[in-house]
Amino acid sequence: MAGGSDNFSLSGPKHLNSIDWNNAHHRRSVAASLVEGVYVLEADRQANRRDSQSLAPPWWEFFHFKLIRQLVDDADHCIFGAIFEYKPPKYANYRKDSTGRSPRYVIAFRGTLIKLDSFARDLQLDIQIIRNGLHQTTRFGIAMKAVRDKVAEVGDSNVWLTGHSLGAAMAMLAGKTMARTGKFLEAFLFNPPFFSAPIERIKDKKVKHGLRFAGSVITAGLAIASATKGKYNNASNNGNGYEENLFSVISGWIPCLFVNQADHICSEYIGYFEHRKKMEEIGAGAIARFASQHSLGGLVMNMMGVQGVETAEPLHLLPSANLTVNLNPSKDFMGAHVLCQWWRPDLNLNCGVYKYK
């Protein structure tokens, strides 16, 4: 689901021939391009394009990055991620005040690739996201080890995480895992999955707010009831439900989320954060904060004893985020979900920072 052409010269952000790392558009575009590079790495592998025929290298070399490692799935041997090192030439035309925000290393993860050799495995991972079991997969284990090793080597301030769709879920889970240890990595998450009832698609704002308010009250009530019965375990498996301090521990991590209002895979993040803000304004912030730590669907299925749904912390729940919404109209779902939208220079964006209090 990368979208566009694999050829950088045809579809890449060639207008960014001088990077200002203080510029949000530049940082976003470079991060998205590196993820695109991972998509094309795997496409090159499947098409047996090698050396001069490879289409992937321009996606990172244009921005003076070097590929230092490919991350390969042990199940189907596909390339799902890569580690890039920033190697700017001495003569590069970069602003003196911007280099401090540049990364030393970027770990990038692609999303679902609709190609024969990798689609089946990618689909399995997509299903694991819905089941809340991504943390148990071997692909994530490989990714998490790569992140831990690089952070241990160079420090958390020198490592960026980025990913698209399935890859954004991988990067988000890795970032949350590191945040629990007090290491906050800069993260750029494009179209991250948020599986929920499609409330954001409702046009009537009053109806939308009413549904979210009712959902928060019901979620909070079920969480309390479930915790009392000891059926809904938190990440430490103590049988007392999610504790707010676990959510607070990672609240200082503020990943950059990029969602399209027409993309039903990720658009619920808009309402997730906006609703919590509105609940604070009407004096019901405590309910919203408690409810935002839980998944209503997960609570219901676990209380009903539904098998096959993991009881670990729901992946998509975040205490804080720097949320960027693409307001440009899209012709269809694919147009709203493609990665290439994020390096366009003419985007109509709505940005907001949401911090857990």
Protein backbone atom coordinates (compact mmCIF):
# COMPACT_ATOMS: atom_id res chain seq x y z
CA MET A 1 0.00 0.00 0.00
CA ALA A 2 2.85 2.36 -0.69
CA GLY A 3 1.20 3.79 -3.77
CA GLY A 4 2.78 5.65 -6.67
CA SER A 5 5.80 4.57 -8.66
CA ASP A 6 8.84 2.74 -7.28
CA ASN A 7 10.99 5.09 -9.33
CA PHE A 8 12.20 8.05 -7.26
CA SER A 9 12.78 10.19 -10.32
CA LEU A 10 9.09 9.87 -11.22
CA SER A 11 7.37 10.15 -7.85
CA GLY A 12 9.88 11.12 -5.18
CA PRO A 13 10.15 14.55 -3.47
CA LYS A 14 12.91 15.85 -5.72
CA HIS A 15 12.04 19.42 -4.73
CA LEU A 16 13.76 18.81 -1.37
CA ASN A 17 17.30 19.28 -2.61
CA SER A 18 18.25 21.18 0.55
CA ILE A 19 16.96 19.85 3.86
CA ASP A 20 16.10 22.11 6.77
CA TRP A 21 15.71 19.73 9.69
CA ASN A 22 13.76 22.37 11.60
CA ASN A 23 11.09 22.31 8.90
CA ALA A 24 8.24 19.92 9.73
CA HIS A 25 7.46 19.30 6.05
CA HIS A 26 11.08 18.36 5.37
CA ARG A 27 11.30 15.97 8.34
CA ARG A 28 7.99 14.36 7.41
CA SER A 29 8.95 13.98 3.75
CA VAL A 30 12.34 12.43 4.49
CA ALA A 31 10.84 9.97 7.00
CA ALA A 32 8.15 8.95 4.50
CA SER A 33 10.74 8.57 1.72
CA LEU A 34 12.83 6.21 3.84
CA VAL A 35 9.76 4.04 4.46
CA GLU A 36 9.10 4.08 0.72
CA GLY A 37 12.67 2.90 0.30
CA VAL A 38 11.86 -0.19 2.36
CA TYR A 39 8.81 -0.91 0.20
CA VAL A 40 10.97 -0.69 -2.91
CA LEU A 41 13.74 -2.80 -1.35
CA GLU A 42 11.29 -5.67 -1.05
CA ALA A 43 9.84 -4.98 -4.51
CA ASP A 44 13.39 -5.09 -5.91
CA ARG A 45 13.98 -8.43 -4.19
CA GLN A 46 10.81 -9.96 -5.58
CA ALA A 47 11.47 -8.62 -9.08
CA ASN A 48 15.12 -9.76 -8.87
CA ARG A 49 16.32 -6.22 -9.58
CA ARG A 50 19.93 -5.93 -8.46
CA ASP A 51 22.83 -3.48 -8.59
CA SER A 52 22.22 -0.87 -11.31
CA GLN A 53 18.68 -2.16 -11.86
CA SER A 54 17.65 -1.57 -8.24
CA LEU A 55 15.12 1.22 -7.78
CA ALA A 56 15.36 1.50 -4.01
CA PRO A 57 18.68 3.35 -3.32
CA PRO A 58 17.61 6.82 -4.57
CA TRP A 59 14.90 6.90 -1.90
CA TRP A 60 17.57 7.30 0.78
CA GLU A 61 20.68 8.37 -1.10
CA PHE A 62 18.99 11.57 -2.32
CA PHE A 63 18.84 12.68 1.33
CA HIS A 64 22.39 11.48 2.13
CA PHE A 65 21.43 8.35 4.01
CA LYS A 66 23.25 5.04 3.83
CA LEU A 67 21.56 1.65 4.14
CA ILE A 68 23.42 -0.24 6.86
CA ARG A 69 21.07 -3.15 7.50
CA GLN A 70 17.99 -4.84 6.08
CA LEU A 71 15.47 -6.35 8.50
CA VAL A 72 14.25 -9.71 7.18
CA ASP A 73 11.25 -11.72 8.35
CA ASP A 74 12.23 -15.21 9.45
CA ALA A 75 8.98 -16.71 8.17
CA ASP A 76 8.99 -15.70 4.49
CA HIS A 77 12.41 -14.01 4.24
CA CYS A 78 10.88 -10.77 2.99
CA ILE A 79 12.43 -7.39 3.78
CA PHE A 80 10.11 -5.56 6.17
CA GLY A 81 12.42 -2.90 7.56
CA ALA A 82 15.78 -1.21 7.30
CA ILE A 83 18.25 0.82 9.33
CA PHE A 84 19.64 3.95 7.68
CA GLU A 85 22.56 6.10 8.78
CA TYR A 86 22.64 9.81 8.01
CA LYS A 87 25.88 10.71 6.22
CA PRO A 88 25.68 14.31 4.98
CA PRO A 89 28.60 15.48 2.85
CA LYS A 90 30.67 18.34 4.23
CA TYR A 91 29.72 20.56 1.32
CA ALA A 92 25.96 19.98 1.74
CA ASN A 93 23.82 23.12 1.83
CA TYR A 94 22.19 22.69 5.24
CA ARG A 95 21.34 25.47 7.64
CA LYS A 96 23.72 25.59 10.57
CA ASP A 97 20.87 25.72 13.06
CA SER A 98 19.06 22.72 11.60
CA THR A 99 21.62 19.94 11.89
CA GLY A 100 20.92 19.52 15.60
CA ARG A 101 17.50 18.08 14.74
CA SER A 102 18.76 15.63 12.17
CA PRO A 103 18.86 11.93 13.07
CA ARG A 104 21.97 9.78 13.14
CA TYR A 105 19.98 6.64 12.43
CA VAL A 106 16.47 5.96 11.17
CA ILE A 107 14.76 2.58 11.58
CA ALA A 108 11.96 2.30 9.02
CA PHE A 109 9.21 -0.30 8.57
CA ARG A 110 7.04 -0.80 5.53
CA GLY A 111 3.38 -1.73 5.55
CA THR A 112 1.44 -4.39 3.68
CA LEU A 113 2.87 -5.02 0.23
CA ILE A 114 0.38 -6.46 -2.22
CA LYS A 115 2.84 -8.72 -4.00
CA LEU A 116 2.77 -12.50 -4.20
CA ASP A 117 5.84 -13.38 -2.12
CA SER A 118 5.00 -11.19 0.87
CA PHE A 119 1.26 -10.57 0.96
CA ALA A 120 0.27 -13.71 2.88
CA ARG A 121 2.71 -13.00 5.71
CA ASP A 122 1.82 -9.29 5.79
CA LEU A 123 -1.86 -10.22 6.02
CA GLN A 124 -1.12 -12.48 8.98
CA LEU A 125 0.49 -9.51 10.73
CA ASP A 126 -2.49 -7.29 9.89
CA ILE A 127 -4.75 -9.84 11.55
CA GLN A 128 -2.47 -9.90 14.58
CA ILE A 129 -2.97 -6.15 14.94
CA ILE A 130 -6.74 -6.67 15.04
CA ARG A 131 -6.29 -9.50 17.57
CA ASN A 132 -3.90 -7.32 19.56
CA GLY A 133 -1.18 -9.92 19.19
CA LEU A 134 1.49 -8.08 17.17
CA HIS A 135 3.85 -8.13 20.16
CA GLN A 136 3.95 -11.95 20.02
CA THR A 137 5.05 -12.21 16.38
CA THR A 138 8.59 -13.09 15.37
CA ARG A 139 8.71 -10.14 12.95
CA PHE A 140 8.13 -7.73 15.79
CA GLY A 141 10.71 -9.58 17.87
CA ILE A 142 13.30 -8.99 15.15
CA ALA A 143 12.29 -5.34 14.88
CA MET A 144 12.37 -4.77 18.63
CA LYS A 145 15.83 -6.29 18.98
CA ALA A 146 17.12 -4.04 16.21
CA VAL A 147 15.68 -0.97 17.95
CA ARG A 148 17.05 -1.95 21.37
CA ASP A 149 20.49 -2.72 19.99
CA LYS A 150 20.79 0.55 18.09
CA VAL A 151 19.55 2.63 21.04
CA ALA A 152 22.01 0.85 23.34
CA GLU A 153 24.78 1.65 20.87
CA VAL A 154 24.10 5.34 20.11
CA GLY A 155 21.46 6.54 22.59
CA ASP A 156 17.76 7.25 22.17
CA SER A 157 18.24 10.86 21.02
CA ASN A 158 20.09 9.63 17.92
CA VAL A 159 17.46 7.19 16.65
CA TRP A 160 14.24 7.88 14.75
CA LEU A 161 11.44 5.39 14.18
CA THR A 162 9.18 5.57 11.18
CA GLY A 163 6.65 3.35 9.43
CA HIS A 164 3.52 3.24 7.32
CA SER A 165 0.28 1.33 8.05
CA LEU A 166 1.41 -2.09 9.36
CA GLY A 167 4.88 -0.61 9.63
CA ALA A 168 3.52 2.32 11.65
CA ALA A 169 2.00 -0.20 14.07
CA MET A 170 5.42 -1.88 14.37
CA ALA A 171 7.15 1.45 15.01
CA MET A 172 4.47 2.52 17.48
CA LEU A 173 4.76 -0.68 19.50
CA ALA A 174 8.55 -0.41 19.50
CA GLY A 175 8.32 3.22 20.59
CA LYS A 176 5.89 2.44 23.40
CA THR A 177 8.10 -0.41 24.57
CA MET A 178 11.14 1.86 24.71
CA ALA A 179 9.15 4.65 26.37
CA ARG A 180 8.36 2.32 29.28
CA THR A 181 12.08 2.24 29.99
CA GLY A 182 12.32 6.03 29.90
CA LYS A 183 13.74 6.24 26.38
CA PHE A 184 11.68 8.49 24.11
CA LEU A 185 12.49 8.04 20.42
CA GLU A 186 11.35 10.52 17.83
CA ALA A 187 8.75 8.75 15.72
CA PHE A 188 6.95 9.45 12.44
CA LEU A 189 3.94 7.17 12.06
CA PHE A 190 2.06 7.34 8.77
CA ASN A 191 -1.55 6.05 8.61
CA PRO A 192 -1.23 3.99 11.83
CA PRO A 193 -4.07 1.48 12.31
CA PHE A 194 -6.83 2.29 14.80
CA PHE A 195 -9.48 -0.40 14.60
CA SER A 196 -12.73 0.88 16.06
CA ALA A 197 -16.31 1.68 15.15
CA PRO A 198 -16.15 4.26 12.31
CA ILE A 199 -17.56 7.13 14.36
CA GLU A 200 -15.31 9.67 12.65
CA ARG A 201 -17.21 9.12 9.40
CA ILE A 202 -20.42 10.48 10.93
CA LYS A 203 -21.04 14.00 9.62
CA ASP A 204 -23.32 15.28 12.41
CA LYS A 205 -20.98 16.64 15.11
CA LYS A 206 -23.58 16.42 17.88
CA VAL A 207 -24.32 12.78 17.12
CA LYS A 208 -20.62 12.06 16.89
CA HIS A 209 -19.90 13.69 20.25
CA GLY A 210 -22.88 11.97 21.85
CA LEU A 211 -21.69 8.56 20.70
CA ARG A 212 -18.16 9.20 21.91
CA PHE A 213 -19.41 10.46 25.29
CA ALA A 214 -21.58 7.37 25.74
CA GLY A 215 -18.67 5.18 24.62
CA SER A 216 -16.36 6.75 27.20
CA VAL A 217 -18.85 6.21 30.03
CA ILE A 218 -19.52 2.61 29.00
CA THR A 219 -15.81 1.87 28.51
CA ALA A 220 -14.89 3.32 31.90
CA GLY A 221 -17.69 1.37 33.57
CA LEU A 222 -16.74 -1.91 31.92
CA ALA A 223 -13.08 -1.38 32.77
CA ILE A 224 -13.91 -0.91 36.43
CA ALA A 225 -16.22 -3.94 36.44
CA SER A 226 -13.70 -6.07 34.59
CA ALA A 227 -10.87 -5.04 36.90
CA THR A 228 -13.01 -5.93 39.89
CA LYS A 229 -13.56 -9.41 38.49
CA GLY A 230 -9.88 -9.72 37.55
CA LYS A 231 -10.62 -10.80 34.00
CA TYR A 232 -8.89 -8.00 32.11
CA ASN A 233 -5.16 -8.15 32.75
CA ASN A 234 -2.75 -5.32 32.19
CA ALA A 235 0.71 -5.53 30.72
CA SER A 236 2.13 -6.71 34.05
CA ASN A 237 -0.58 -9.39 34.32
CA ASN A 238 -1.49 -8.58 37.90
CA GLY A 239 -5.20 -9.08 37.26
CA ASN A 240 -6.22 -5.59 38.33
CA GLY A 241 -6.83 -4.06 34.93
CA TYR A 242 -4.83 -1.24 33.37
CA GLU A 243 -3.33 1.04 35.96
CA GLU A 244 -3.16 4.71 35.13
CA ASN A 245 0.51 4.88 36.09
CA LEU A 246 1.34 2.54 33.18
CA PHE A 247 -0.28 5.05 30.82
CA SER A 248 1.43 7.93 32.57
CA VAL A 249 4.86 6.32 32.25
CA ILE A 250 4.83 6.76 28.48
CA SER A 251 2.92 10.07 28.44
CA GLY A 252 6.17 11.98 27.86
CA TRP A 253 6.62 10.19 24.54
CA ILE A 254 4.94 12.30 21.85
CA PRO A 255 5.11 10.48 18.51
CA CYS A 256 4.16 12.27 15.31
CA LEU A 257 1.02 10.69 13.84
CA PHE A 258 -0.02 11.42 10.26
CA VAL A 259 -3.59 10.48 9.40
CA ASN A 260 -5.97 11.20 6.55
CA GLN A 261 -9.54 12.11 7.47
CA ALA A 262 -10.83 9.85 4.67
CA ASP A 263 -8.76 6.83 5.71
CA HIS A 264 -10.94 4.62 7.90
CA ILE A 265 -7.90 2.61 9.02
CA CYS A 266 -6.42 5.55 10.93
CA SER A 267 -8.98 8.37 11.04
CA GLU A 268 -10.34 7.35 14.47
CA TYR A 269 -7.22 8.90 15.99
CA ILE A 270 -8.80 12.27 15.21
CA GLY A 271 -11.79 11.61 17.43
CA TYR A 272 -9.73 9.73 20.02
CA PHE A 273 -7.71 12.82 20.89
CA GLU A 274 -10.29 15.51 20.12
CA HIS A 275 -12.91 13.81 22.28
CA ARG A 276 -10.56 13.66 25.25
CA LYS A 277 -9.94 17.39 24.85
CA LYS A 278 -13.69 18.14 24.76
CA MET A 279 -14.32 15.98 27.79
CA GLU A 280 -11.70 18.00 29.68
CA GLU A 281 -13.49 21.20 28.67
CA ILE A 282 -16.84 20.03 30.10
CA GLY A 283 -15.29 18.76 33.33
CA ALA A 284 -15.39 15.06 32.47
CA GLY A 285 -11.67 14.71 31.84
CA ALA A 286 -11.22 11.97 34.45
CA ILE A 287 -13.70 9.72 32.62
CA ALA A 288 -12.07 10.42 29.27
CA ARG A 289 -8.56 9.79 30.57
CA PHE A 290 -9.57 6.50 32.13
CA ALA A 291 -11.56 5.38 29.08
CA SER A 292 -8.73 6.29 26.70
CA GLN A 293 -6.57 3.63 28.34
CA HIS A 294 -8.96 0.86 27.31
CA SER A 295 -10.44 -0.66 24.20
CA LEU A 296 -14.21 -1.06 24.40
CA GLY A 297 -14.18 -3.98 21.97
CA GLY A 298 -11.42 -5.72 23.90
CA LEU A 299 -13.22 -5.25 27.20
CA VAL A 300 -16.48 -6.67 25.86
CA MET A 301 -14.87 -9.69 24.19
CA ASN A 302 -12.76 -10.50 27.23
CA MET A 303 -15.71 -10.22 29.62
CA MET A 304 -17.69 -12.52 27.31
CA GLY A 305 -14.81 -14.98 27.28
CA VAL A 306 -14.22 -14.72 23.53
CA GLN A 307 -11.16 -16.76 22.60
CA GLY A 308 -8.36 -15.59 20.32
CA VAL A 309 -8.19 -11.98 21.50
CA GLU A 310 -5.08 -11.04 23.45
CA THR A 311 -5.38 -9.23 26.77
CA ALA A 312 -2.22 -7.14 26.47
CA GLU A 313 -2.47 -3.38 26.25
CA PRO A 314 -4.24 -2.41 22.99
CA LEU A 315 -1.62 -1.24 20.53
CA HIS A 316 -3.44 1.81 19.24
CA LEU A 317 -3.99 3.50 22.61
CA LEU A 318 -1.67 6.46 23.16
CA PRO A 319 -1.54 9.02 25.98
CA SER A 320 0.11 11.77 23.91
CA ALA A 321 0.73 12.58 20.26
CA ASN A 322 1.57 15.27 17.75
CA LEU A 323 -1.33 14.67 15.37
CA THR A 324 -1.28 15.87 11.76
CA VAL A 325 -4.43 15.42 9.70
CA ASN A 326 -4.44 15.62 5.91
CA LEU A 327 -7.59 17.52 4.94
CA ASN A 328 -7.06 17.23 1.19
CA PRO A 329 -9.94 15.41 -0.49
CA SER A 330 -9.24 11.85 -1.65
CA LYS A 331 -10.98 10.04 -4.48
CA ASP A 332 -11.10 6.74 -2.60
CA PHE A 333 -9.68 4.80 0.34
CA MET A 334 -6.46 3.96 -1.47
CA GLY A 335 -5.83 7.61 -2.20
CA ALA A 336 -6.29 8.39 1.49
CA HIS A 337 -4.04 5.58 2.67
CA VAL A 338 -1.07 5.81 0.29
CA LEU A 339 2.30 6.85 1.66
CA CYS A 340 3.19 9.20 -1.19
CA GLN A 341 0.64 11.79 -0.03
CA TRP A 342 2.92 12.78 2.85
CA TRP A 343 5.69 14.36 0.79
CA ARG A 344 3.41 16.47 -1.39
CA PRO A 345 4.22 20.18 -0.98
CA ASP A 346 0.59 21.34 -1.35
CA LEU A 347 -1.00 19.55 1.61
CA ASN A 348 -3.81 21.15 3.60
CA LEU A 349 -2.92 20.06 7.13
CA ASN A 350 -4.44 20.47 10.55
CA CYS A 351 -1.90 19.96 13.35
CA GLY A 352 -2.28 19.67 17.09
CA VAL A 353 -0.31 18.41 20.06
CA TYR A 354 -2.21 16.36 22.65
CA LYS A 355 -0.57 15.73 25.99
CA TYR A 356 -1.86 13.36 28.63
CA LYS A 357 -2.47 15.17 31.91
